[in-house]
Amino acid sequence: MKNQTKIRILVADDHYIVRMGVISLVSTEPDMEIVAEAVNGTQAVELFGKLEPDLALMDLSMPVKDGIRATIEIRNKFPAARILMLTTFDGDEDIHKALQAGAQGYVLKNCTGDTLIPALRTVAAGQRWIPKDVAGRLNSRKMFEELTPREIQVLQLLSKGLANKGIADALNISEHTVKDHLKNILAKLRAADRTEAVTKAITRGIIHL
């Protein structure tokens, strides 16, 4: 595009092949350029502060600091920062957390360049990019009652195979309280048993293994 500054993009993803794929794709676009690569959330925050790119393409799951925390920190320092999530996580809770953190768009890694490139341009222009499938999953979240932080802690321990006593000891609460939490969890997730509750929680992105 003549007489127009290129969209400067920071790519943050701990997977080398993903980063190289994005760089290869973006390099074919005359109005875009990759100005930095980050392999974790901490590096993404540092590079964003140093270079102030037009857009950050952020993976949700990264070592040291995940994409959610990195997005929050970047938006706190640069309220006008534009961030597009590119991730494999498609759970409604993952999507909700990303958008709450300040991301303006959410794209799944199984998308094609025909989706990613328009998404980059849209978010760089200050608009939101929420594909229909992502919007549908986000809308389904409204059907469920939200879990409390303590209930999520119980679920995390449950996913590790702990019994009620082990959960009680880990959280320094009584087994009776654990049972109450489990009852609420099953009701909120509409699960028949503990195994189904953990499965649903992982699928929705409430917890990660």
Protein backbone atom coordinates (compact mmCIF):
# COMPACT_ATOMS: atom_id res chain seq x y z
CA MET A 1 0.00 0.00 0.00
CA LYS A 2 1.64 3.24 -1.15
CA ASN A 3 2.21 6.26 1.06
CA GLN A 4 0.94 4.43 4.13
CA THR A 5 2.85 3.37 7.20
CA LYS A 6 2.95 -0.38 7.73
CA ILE A 7 1.12 -2.03 10.62
CA ARG A 8 3.88 -2.91 13.12
CA ILE A 9 3.17 -6.26 14.79
CA LEU A 10 4.59 -8.01 17.85
CA VAL A 11 4.14 -11.81 17.81
CA ALA A 12 4.09 -13.53 21.22
CA ASP A 13 4.00 -17.34 21.12
CA ASP A 14 6.26 -19.93 22.73
CA HIS A 15 5.94 -22.29 19.75
CA TYR A 16 8.65 -21.62 17.16
CA ILE A 17 6.69 -23.15 14.28
CA VAL A 18 3.65 -20.98 15.01
CA ARG A 19 5.76 -17.82 15.13
CA MET A 20 7.51 -18.71 11.88
CA GLY A 21 4.17 -19.45 10.24
CA VAL A 22 2.78 -16.07 11.25
CA ILE A 23 5.94 -14.25 10.14
CA SER A 24 5.87 -16.03 6.78
CA LEU A 25 2.21 -15.14 6.29
CA VAL A 26 2.55 -11.51 7.34
CA SER A 27 5.66 -10.99 5.22
CA THR A 28 3.53 -11.41 2.09
CA GLU A 29 1.33 -8.45 3.07
CA PRO A 30 2.63 -5.06 1.85
CA ASP A 31 0.93 -3.16 4.68
CA MET A 32 2.32 -5.24 7.58
CA GLU A 33 5.63 -6.05 9.23
CA ILE A 34 6.77 -8.07 12.24
CA VAL A 35 8.87 -5.86 14.51
CA ALA A 36 9.47 -8.30 17.38
CA GLU A 37 8.99 -11.88 18.60
CA ALA A 38 8.35 -12.94 22.20
CA VAL A 39 8.49 -16.48 23.58
CA ASN A 40 6.65 -15.75 26.84
CA GLY A 41 4.36 -13.18 28.39
CA THR A 42 7.07 -11.38 30.33
CA GLN A 43 9.09 -10.83 27.18
CA ALA A 44 5.95 -9.68 25.37
CA VAL A 45 5.31 -6.97 27.98
CA GLU A 46 8.94 -5.81 27.86
CA LEU A 47 9.07 -5.68 24.05
CA PHE A 48 5.73 -3.92 23.80
CA GLY A 49 6.95 -1.23 26.18
CA LYS A 50 10.19 -0.82 24.27
CA LEU A 51 8.79 -0.79 20.72
CA GLU A 52 5.14 0.22 21.16
CA PRO A 53 3.90 -1.73 18.12
CA ASP A 54 0.54 -1.06 16.50
CA LEU A 55 -0.66 -4.54 17.42
CA ALA A 56 0.30 -7.55 19.53
CA LEU A 57 -0.66 -11.03 18.36
CA MET A 58 -0.78 -12.90 21.66
CA ASP A 59 -0.91 -16.60 22.52
CA LEU A 60 -3.06 -17.36 25.55
CA SER A 61 -0.91 -20.13 27.04
CA MET A 62 2.77 -19.26 27.47
CA PRO A 63 5.44 -19.97 30.10
CA VAL A 64 6.62 -17.49 32.76
CA LYS A 65 3.55 -15.29 32.21
CA ASP A 66 0.47 -16.27 30.21
CA GLY A 67 -1.25 -14.18 27.55
CA ILE A 68 -4.02 -13.04 29.90
CA ARG A 69 -1.62 -11.55 32.45
CA ALA A 70 0.55 -10.06 29.70
CA THR A 71 -2.49 -8.43 28.10
CA ILE A 72 -3.61 -6.94 31.41
CA GLU A 73 -0.15 -5.50 32.08
CA ILE A 74 0.19 -4.07 28.58
CA ARG A 75 -3.26 -2.48 28.65
CA ASN A 76 -2.57 -1.01 32.11
CA LYS A 77 0.55 0.71 30.79
CA PHE A 78 -0.81 1.45 27.32
CA PRO A 79 -4.63 1.80 27.47
CA ALA A 80 -4.84 2.21 23.68
CA ALA A 81 -2.84 -0.97 23.00
CA ARG A 82 -4.40 -3.29 20.44
CA ILE A 83 -4.16 -7.00 21.13
CA LEU A 84 -5.42 -9.98 19.15
CA MET A 85 -5.45 -13.41 20.80
CA LEU A 86 -4.33 -16.35 18.65
CA THR A 87 -4.80 -19.58 20.56
CA THR A 88 -5.88 -23.21 20.53
CA PHE A 89 -8.16 -22.67 23.54
CA ASP A 90 -11.78 -22.35 22.48
CA GLY A 91 -13.55 -22.62 25.85
CA ASP A 92 -16.07 -19.92 26.68
CA GLU A 93 -14.24 -19.06 29.90
CA ASP A 94 -10.92 -18.64 28.06
CA ILE A 95 -12.58 -16.28 25.57
CA HIS A 96 -14.28 -14.32 28.35
CA LYS A 97 -11.02 -13.91 30.31
CA ALA A 98 -9.14 -12.73 27.21
CA LEU A 99 -11.71 -10.09 26.34
CA GLN A 100 -12.02 -9.00 29.97
CA ALA A 101 -8.22 -8.59 30.05
CA GLY A 102 -8.45 -6.14 27.17
CA ALA A 103 -7.97 -8.15 23.99
CA GLN A 104 -10.00 -6.74 21.09
CA GLY A 105 -10.07 -9.94 19.09
CA TYR A 106 -9.91 -13.72 19.46
CA VAL A 107 -8.79 -16.09 16.71
CA LEU A 108 -8.23 -19.84 16.88
CA LYS A 109 -4.97 -21.32 15.59
CA ASN A 110 -6.80 -23.62 13.19
CA CYS A 111 -7.87 -20.58 11.17
CA THR A 112 -6.46 -19.82 7.72
CA GLY A 113 -4.66 -16.73 6.46
CA ASP A 114 -7.96 -15.60 4.96
CA THR A 115 -9.17 -15.17 8.53
CA LEU A 116 -6.01 -14.08 10.34
CA ILE A 117 -4.97 -11.26 7.99
CA PRO A 118 -8.37 -9.50 8.07
CA ALA A 119 -8.41 -9.99 11.84
CA LEU A 120 -5.03 -8.28 12.16
CA ARG A 121 -6.14 -5.34 10.02
CA THR A 122 -9.45 -4.99 11.88
CA VAL A 123 -7.92 -4.96 15.37
CA ALA A 124 -5.08 -2.68 14.22
CA ALA A 125 -7.77 -0.26 13.07
CA GLY A 126 -9.23 -0.21 16.58
CA GLN A 127 -12.19 -2.50 15.93
CA ARG A 128 -13.16 -5.81 17.50
CA TRP A 129 -12.81 -9.18 15.77
CA ILE A 130 -14.97 -11.95 17.21
CA PRO A 131 -15.72 -14.78 14.71
CA LYS A 132 -19.19 -16.35 14.80
CA ASP A 133 -17.97 -19.60 16.38
CA VAL A 134 -16.14 -17.68 19.10
CA ALA A 135 -19.14 -15.42 19.68
CA GLY A 136 -21.37 -18.49 19.95
CA ARG A 137 -19.17 -20.05 22.62
CA LEU A 138 -19.02 -16.78 24.52
CA ASN A 139 -22.79 -16.48 24.38
CA SER A 140 -23.19 -20.01 25.79
CA ARG A 141 -21.38 -18.86 28.93
CA LYS A 142 -24.51 -16.92 29.90
CA MET A 143 -26.32 -20.23 30.39
CA PHE A 144 -24.16 -21.15 33.38
CA GLU A 145 -23.82 -19.67 36.84
CA GLU A 146 -20.28 -18.42 37.49
CA LEU A 147 -18.08 -20.38 39.88
CA THR A 148 -16.46 -18.65 42.85
CA PRO A 149 -12.64 -18.49 43.16
CA ARG A 150 -12.81 -21.08 45.97
CA GLU A 151 -14.90 -23.44 43.85
CA ILE A 152 -12.34 -23.14 41.07
CA GLN A 153 -9.60 -24.01 43.56
CA VAL A 154 -11.54 -27.11 44.58
CA LEU A 155 -11.94 -28.06 40.91
CA GLN A 156 -8.21 -27.65 40.29
CA LEU A 157 -7.40 -30.01 43.16
CA LEU A 158 -10.14 -32.39 42.06
CA SER A 159 -8.55 -32.54 38.60
CA LYS A 160 -5.32 -33.71 40.25
CA GLY A 161 -7.13 -36.71 41.70
CA LEU A 162 -7.39 -35.54 45.29
CA ALA A 163 -10.13 -36.95 47.49
CA ASN A 164 -12.23 -34.77 49.78
CA LYS A 165 -9.77 -35.05 52.67
CA GLY A 166 -6.84 -34.11 50.46
CA ILE A 167 -8.71 -31.08 49.15
CA ALA A 168 -9.69 -30.08 52.69
CA ASP A 169 -6.08 -30.32 53.89
CA ALA A 170 -4.73 -28.39 50.90
CA LEU A 171 -7.21 -25.52 51.39
CA ASN A 172 -7.25 -25.70 55.19
CA ILE A 173 -11.01 -26.18 55.31
CA SER A 174 -13.25 -28.97 56.62
CA GLU A 175 -14.36 -31.97 54.59
CA HIS A 176 -17.95 -30.82 55.15
CA THR A 177 -17.11 -27.51 53.46
CA VAL A 178 -15.49 -29.38 50.59
CA LYS A 179 -18.68 -31.40 50.12
CA ASP A 180 -20.72 -28.18 50.04
CA HIS A 181 -18.40 -26.73 47.39
CA LEU A 182 -18.64 -29.91 45.31
CA LYS A 183 -22.43 -29.82 45.50
CA ASN A 184 -22.44 -26.25 44.21
CA ILE A 185 -19.91 -27.08 41.49
CA LEU A 186 -21.98 -29.98 40.17
CA ALA A 187 -25.08 -27.80 40.09
CA LYS A 188 -23.39 -24.85 38.37
CA LEU A 189 -21.66 -27.02 35.75
CA ARG A 190 -24.73 -29.24 35.36
CA ALA A 191 -22.57 -32.28 35.92
CA ALA A 192 -23.69 -35.65 37.23
CA ASP A 193 -20.46 -36.48 39.07
CA ARG A 194 -16.95 -35.31 39.88
CA THR A 195 -15.40 -36.70 36.70
CA GLU A 196 -17.94 -34.95 34.48
CA ALA A 197 -17.43 -31.73 36.43
CA VAL A 198 -13.68 -31.78 35.78
CA THR A 199 -14.21 -32.65 32.11
CA LYS A 200 -16.65 -29.78 31.61
CA ALA A 201 -14.42 -27.36 33.49
CA ILE A 202 -11.45 -28.23 31.25
CA THR A 203 -13.54 -28.03 28.07
CA ARG A 204 -14.88 -24.60 28.99
CA GLY A 205 -11.46 -23.30 30.02
CA ILE A 206 -12.38 -22.81 33.67
CA ILE A 207 -9.31 -24.86 34.64
CA HIS A 208 -6.30 -26.15 32.72
CA LEU A 209 -4.26 -29.25 33.39
